[in-house]
Amino acid sequence: MSLSSSDLALLAAPFAAGLVVVATHVPLGMTVLRRGIIFIDLAIAQVAALGVIGAGLLHLDDLAPWVTQFAAGLAALAAAALLTFCERCWPEIQEALIGLLFVFAAAAGIVLLAGSPHGGEHLRDLLSGQILWADWRQITVLGVLSVVVLAMRAWLRQRGDGFPFYALFAIAVTASVQLVGVLLVFASLIAPAVATSGLPGTNRSAAAFAIGALGYGVGLVISLLVDMPAGAAVACTLVLLAAVGLSVWNRASRQ
């Protein structure tokens, strides 16, 4: 099966959304990898998804489209505050506590949707996202938030981390989780950072962005060619690229 011009046009908006996500998630992912708090993105994304579930059950999404996003952001910021407290009190087990927060948020989401006739479908959408149906209005909003996130990250880099970093993380994740899903948020943050872990300085940032863009492009094309969920296809592609990157850098280091 080949791609027609109409197929490529269909992928234009999802690919643009992926580039915007990669723009913010690559630098944040490198910071997460350096600090050794790998599952923070997965935990905060799952808490944001829990906020989406809560808003849906309370029918808050009937009030206005932005209300659900606000609920997700509020939940993510609450998680950021909790993780800041945990880091101050129990820094030696911070990663374990982050993992427990993820488990709690995921389990709570399952419990809340247990009685919903469309609960399974809703959980699947939150995990794999709906990037294939991204529109240019969503991309524009995400782009504006991405500029704010990148500017705040540059400002925070000179002033340390703590709650501002966790809050910034919450904003970035909330902006992308409903569009690309929990799994793709995690893959976008970690896979490019892992794939380029053997590269130094600015070369690493450029290579990580290129790998993220390649992962979205190839994954979206594969999803269209074989008719599979786009978010899952992109996530798998990013993970495979991370494995290839690790193999290349490992081989280069031995020479």
Protein backbone atom coordinates (compact mmCIF):
# COMPACT_ATOMS: atom_id res chain seq x y z
CA MET A 1 0.00 0.00 0.00
CA SER A 2 1.30 3.46 -0.92
CA LEU A 3 0.52 6.87 0.47
CA SER A 4 -1.47 9.30 -1.65
CA SER A 5 -1.34 13.08 -1.42
CA SER A 6 -4.58 13.04 0.58
CA ASP A 7 -3.00 10.59 3.06
CA LEU A 8 -0.03 12.89 3.52
CA ALA A 9 -2.36 15.85 3.99
CA LEU A 10 -4.15 13.89 6.71
CA LEU A 11 -0.84 13.38 8.53
CA ALA A 12 0.23 17.05 8.33
CA ALA A 13 -1.59 18.23 11.48
CA PRO A 14 -0.69 15.17 13.62
CA PHE A 15 2.96 15.49 12.59
CA ALA A 16 2.96 19.21 13.42
CA ALA A 17 1.46 18.36 16.83
CA GLY A 18 4.25 15.83 17.36
CA LEU A 19 6.92 18.40 16.55
CA VAL A 20 5.43 20.80 19.09
CA VAL A 21 5.34 18.07 21.74
CA VAL A 22 8.95 17.08 21.00
CA ALA A 23 10.08 20.73 21.24
CA THR A 24 9.20 20.87 24.95
CA HIS A 25 9.58 17.23 25.94
CA VAL A 26 13.14 16.75 24.68
CA PRO A 27 14.80 19.29 27.05
CA LEU A 28 12.59 18.25 29.95
CA GLY A 29 13.34 14.60 29.24
CA MET A 30 17.08 15.24 29.36
CA THR A 31 16.68 16.91 32.75
CA VAL A 32 14.62 14.00 34.04
CA LEU A 33 17.22 11.49 32.84
CA ARG A 34 20.05 13.49 34.42
CA ARG A 35 18.25 13.73 37.76
CA GLY A 36 17.27 10.07 37.78
CA ILE A 37 13.53 10.66 38.26
CA ILE A 38 12.51 8.76 35.16
CA PHE A 39 8.90 8.05 36.02
CA ILE A 40 7.92 11.61 36.98
CA ASP A 41 6.49 12.23 33.52
CA LEU A 42 4.49 9.01 33.56
CA ALA A 43 3.16 9.74 37.05
CA ILE A 44 2.17 13.36 36.36
CA ALA A 45 0.65 12.40 33.00
CA GLN A 46 -1.44 9.75 34.71
CA VAL A 47 -2.57 12.22 37.38
CA ALA A 48 -3.52 14.69 34.65
CA ALA A 49 -5.49 11.89 32.98
CA LEU A 50 -7.19 11.25 36.33
CA GLY A 51 -8.23 14.92 36.33
CA VAL A 52 -9.73 14.42 32.87
CA ILE A 53 -11.66 11.38 34.10
CA GLY A 54 -12.94 13.29 37.14
CA ALA A 55 -14.08 16.21 35.00
CA GLY A 56 -15.92 13.83 32.69
CA LEU A 57 -17.70 12.01 35.51
CA LEU A 58 -18.81 15.36 36.98
CA HIS A 59 -19.92 16.49 33.49
CA LEU A 60 -17.71 19.55 33.79
CA ASP A 61 -16.82 19.18 30.13
CA ASP A 62 -20.40 20.22 29.33
CA LEU A 63 -19.68 23.71 30.71
CA ALA A 64 -16.87 24.60 28.30
CA PRO A 65 -14.07 22.75 26.47
CA TRP A 66 -11.35 24.40 28.56
CA VAL A 67 -12.82 23.19 31.87
CA THR A 68 -11.52 19.65 31.34
CA GLN A 69 -8.06 21.02 30.55
CA PHE A 70 -8.21 23.14 33.70
CA ALA A 71 -9.16 20.10 35.78
CA ALA A 72 -6.26 18.13 34.31
CA GLY A 73 -3.86 21.00 35.00
CA LEU A 74 -5.09 21.40 38.57
CA ALA A 75 -4.59 17.69 39.21
CA ALA A 76 -1.11 17.79 37.68
CA LEU A 77 -0.11 20.83 39.77
CA ALA A 78 -1.35 19.06 42.91
CA ALA A 79 0.89 16.13 41.96
CA ALA A 80 3.78 18.55 41.43
CA ALA A 81 3.29 19.99 44.92
CA LEU A 82 3.12 16.50 46.42
CA LEU A 83 6.30 15.38 44.65
CA THR A 84 8.11 18.52 45.82
CA PHE A 85 7.14 17.69 49.41
CA CYS A 86 8.28 14.08 48.97
CA GLU A 87 11.61 15.18 47.51
CA ARG A 88 12.28 17.36 50.55
CA CYS A 89 11.26 14.71 53.08
CA TRP A 90 12.41 11.46 51.46
CA PRO A 91 14.87 12.26 48.62
CA GLU A 92 16.48 8.83 48.81
CA ILE A 93 13.24 7.07 47.81
CA GLN A 94 11.81 9.74 45.51
CA GLU A 95 11.72 7.47 42.46
CA ALA A 96 9.80 4.80 44.39
CA LEU A 97 7.27 7.39 45.58
CA ILE A 98 6.84 8.65 42.02
CA GLY A 99 6.14 5.07 40.95
CA LEU A 100 3.55 4.68 43.68
CA LEU A 101 1.84 7.90 42.61
CA PHE A 102 1.58 6.54 39.07
CA VAL A 103 0.11 3.26 40.31
CA PHE A 104 -2.42 5.09 42.48
CA ALA A 105 -3.52 7.42 39.68
CA ALA A 106 -3.84 4.55 37.18
CA ALA A 107 -5.77 2.37 39.63
CA ALA A 108 -8.02 5.26 40.67
CA GLY A 109 -8.85 5.92 37.02
CA ILE A 110 -9.85 2.29 36.52
CA VAL A 111 -12.03 2.40 39.66
CA LEU A 112 -13.75 5.62 38.60
CA LEU A 113 -14.53 4.29 35.13
CA ALA A 114 -15.55 0.80 36.26
CA GLY A 115 -19.25 1.63 36.04
CA SER A 116 -19.07 3.55 32.77
CA PRO A 117 -20.27 1.73 29.64
CA HIS A 118 -17.50 3.43 27.68
CA GLY A 119 -14.88 3.18 30.42
CA GLY A 120 -12.57 0.86 28.50
CA GLU A 121 -12.64 3.07 25.43
CA HIS A 122 -11.97 6.16 27.55
CA LEU A 123 -8.97 4.52 29.24
CA ARG A 124 -7.59 3.46 25.87
CA ASP A 125 -7.91 7.01 24.53
CA LEU A 126 -6.10 8.40 27.57
CA LEU A 127 -3.27 5.90 27.13
CA SER A 128 -2.76 6.13 23.37
CA GLY A 129 -4.21 9.59 22.73
CA GLN A 130 -5.97 10.88 19.64
CA ILE A 131 -3.11 12.52 17.79
CA LEU A 132 -4.45 11.44 14.41
CA TRP A 133 -7.43 13.76 14.97
CA ALA A 134 -5.39 16.79 16.03
CA ASP A 135 -6.60 20.02 14.46
CA TRP A 136 -4.73 23.25 13.83
CA ARG A 137 -6.53 25.09 16.62
CA GLN A 138 -5.29 22.55 19.17
CA ILE A 139 -1.81 22.74 17.69
CA THR A 140 -1.79 26.53 17.93
CA VAL A 141 -2.79 26.45 21.60
CA LEU A 142 -0.20 23.75 22.29
CA GLY A 143 2.42 25.79 20.44
CA VAL A 144 1.76 28.88 22.56
CA LEU A 145 2.01 26.83 25.76
CA SER A 146 5.21 25.25 24.47
CA VAL A 147 6.82 28.66 23.97
CA VAL A 148 5.86 29.58 27.55
CA VAL A 149 7.26 26.28 28.87
CA LEU A 150 10.56 26.69 27.01
CA ALA A 151 10.94 30.28 28.19
CA MET A 152 10.24 29.29 31.80
CA ARG A 153 12.68 26.37 31.54
CA ALA A 154 15.43 28.70 30.32
CA TRP A 155 14.70 31.02 33.26
CA LEU A 156 14.64 28.16 35.79
CA ARG A 157 17.92 26.71 34.54
CA GLN A 158 19.74 29.55 36.28
CA ARG A 159 17.69 29.34 39.49
CA GLY A 160 17.57 25.64 40.37
CA ASP A 161 14.68 23.24 40.42
CA GLY A 162 12.22 22.30 43.21
CA PHE A 163 8.53 23.07 42.88
CA PRO A 164 8.93 25.43 39.86
CA PHE A 165 10.42 22.55 37.87
CA TYR A 166 7.67 20.14 38.89
CA ALA A 167 5.03 22.77 38.12
CA LEU A 168 6.58 23.42 34.72
CA PHE A 169 6.53 19.70 34.09
CA ALA A 170 2.86 19.60 35.06
CA ILE A 171 2.03 22.36 32.57
CA ALA A 172 3.90 20.64 29.72
CA VAL A 173 2.35 17.25 30.41
CA THR A 174 -1.18 18.63 30.84
CA ALA A 175 -0.92 20.43 27.53
CA SER A 176 -0.05 17.25 25.65
CA VAL A 177 -1.61 14.30 27.49
CA GLN A 178 -5.14 14.65 26.08
CA LEU A 179 -3.79 14.99 22.56
CA VAL A 180 -1.05 12.33 22.43
CA GLY A 181 -1.89 10.16 25.45
CA VAL A 182 0.02 9.00 28.53
CA LEU A 183 2.22 6.46 26.74
CA LEU A 184 3.34 8.87 24.05
CA VAL A 185 4.05 11.60 26.60
CA PHE A 186 6.43 9.23 28.35
CA ALA A 187 8.02 8.02 25.10
CA SER A 188 8.47 11.60 23.82
CA LEU A 189 10.26 12.60 27.00
CA ILE A 190 12.49 9.60 27.56
CA ALA A 191 13.18 7.91 24.21
CA PRO A 192 15.04 10.83 22.49
CA ALA A 193 17.01 11.52 25.69
CA VAL A 194 18.02 7.85 25.99
CA ALA A 195 18.84 7.54 22.28
CA THR A 196 21.28 10.47 22.47
CA SER A 197 22.71 9.81 25.93
CA GLY A 198 26.16 9.24 24.41
CA LEU A 199 26.31 12.65 22.72
CA PRO A 200 27.61 15.88 24.33
CA GLY A 201 26.22 19.42 24.49
CA THR A 202 24.23 21.10 21.76
CA ASN A 203 24.79 18.21 19.36
CA ARG A 204 22.74 16.06 21.69
CA SER A 205 19.79 18.46 21.75
CA ALA A 206 19.67 18.67 17.97
CA ALA A 207 20.00 14.90 17.57
CA ALA A 208 17.30 14.25 20.20
CA PHE A 209 14.88 16.58 18.44
CA ALA A 210 15.64 14.91 15.10
CA ILE A 211 15.01 11.46 16.59
CA GLY A 212 11.74 12.65 18.12
CA ALA A 213 10.61 14.10 14.80
CA LEU A 214 11.65 10.92 12.96
CA GLY A 215 9.75 8.79 15.48
CA TYR A 216 6.55 10.77 14.96
CA GLY A 217 6.90 10.84 11.18
CA VAL A 218 7.64 7.14 10.74
CA GLY A 219 5.12 6.07 13.39
CA LEU A 220 2.31 8.08 11.82
CA VAL A 221 3.06 6.69 8.36
CA ILE A 222 3.12 3.12 9.70
CA SER A 223 -0.18 3.66 11.51
CA LEU A 224 -1.79 4.79 8.30
CA LEU A 225 -0.30 2.02 6.15
CA VAL A 226 -1.29 -0.87 8.43
CA ASP A 227 -4.34 0.73 10.06
CA MET A 228 -3.20 0.69 13.68
CA PRO A 229 -3.58 3.22 16.53
CA ALA A 230 -1.37 6.20 15.75
CA GLY A 231 -0.27 6.91 19.32
CA ALA A 232 0.81 3.33 19.92
CA ALA A 233 2.64 3.19 16.57
CA VAL A 234 4.59 6.38 17.33
CA ALA A 235 5.43 5.23 20.87
CA CYS A 236 6.77 1.89 19.59
CA THR A 237 8.80 3.68 16.91
CA LEU A 238 10.35 6.05 19.44
CA VAL A 239 11.33 3.16 21.72
CA LEU A 240 12.91 1.28 18.81
CA LEU A 241 14.85 4.41 17.82
CA ALA A 242 16.07 4.70 21.42
CA ALA A 243 17.33 1.11 21.23
CA VAL A 244 19.10 1.84 17.93
CA GLY A 245 20.66 4.99 19.39
CA LEU A 246 21.97 3.14 22.42
CA SER A 247 23.44 0.45 20.17
CA VAL A 248 25.18 3.01 17.96
CA TRP A 249 26.70 4.97 20.86
CA ASN A 250 27.75 1.76 22.61
CA ARG A 251 29.51 0.52 19.50
CA ALA A 252 31.17 3.90 18.96
CA SER A 253 32.46 4.00 22.54
CA ARG A 254 34.20 0.64 22.10
CA GLN A 255 36.12 1.76 19.03
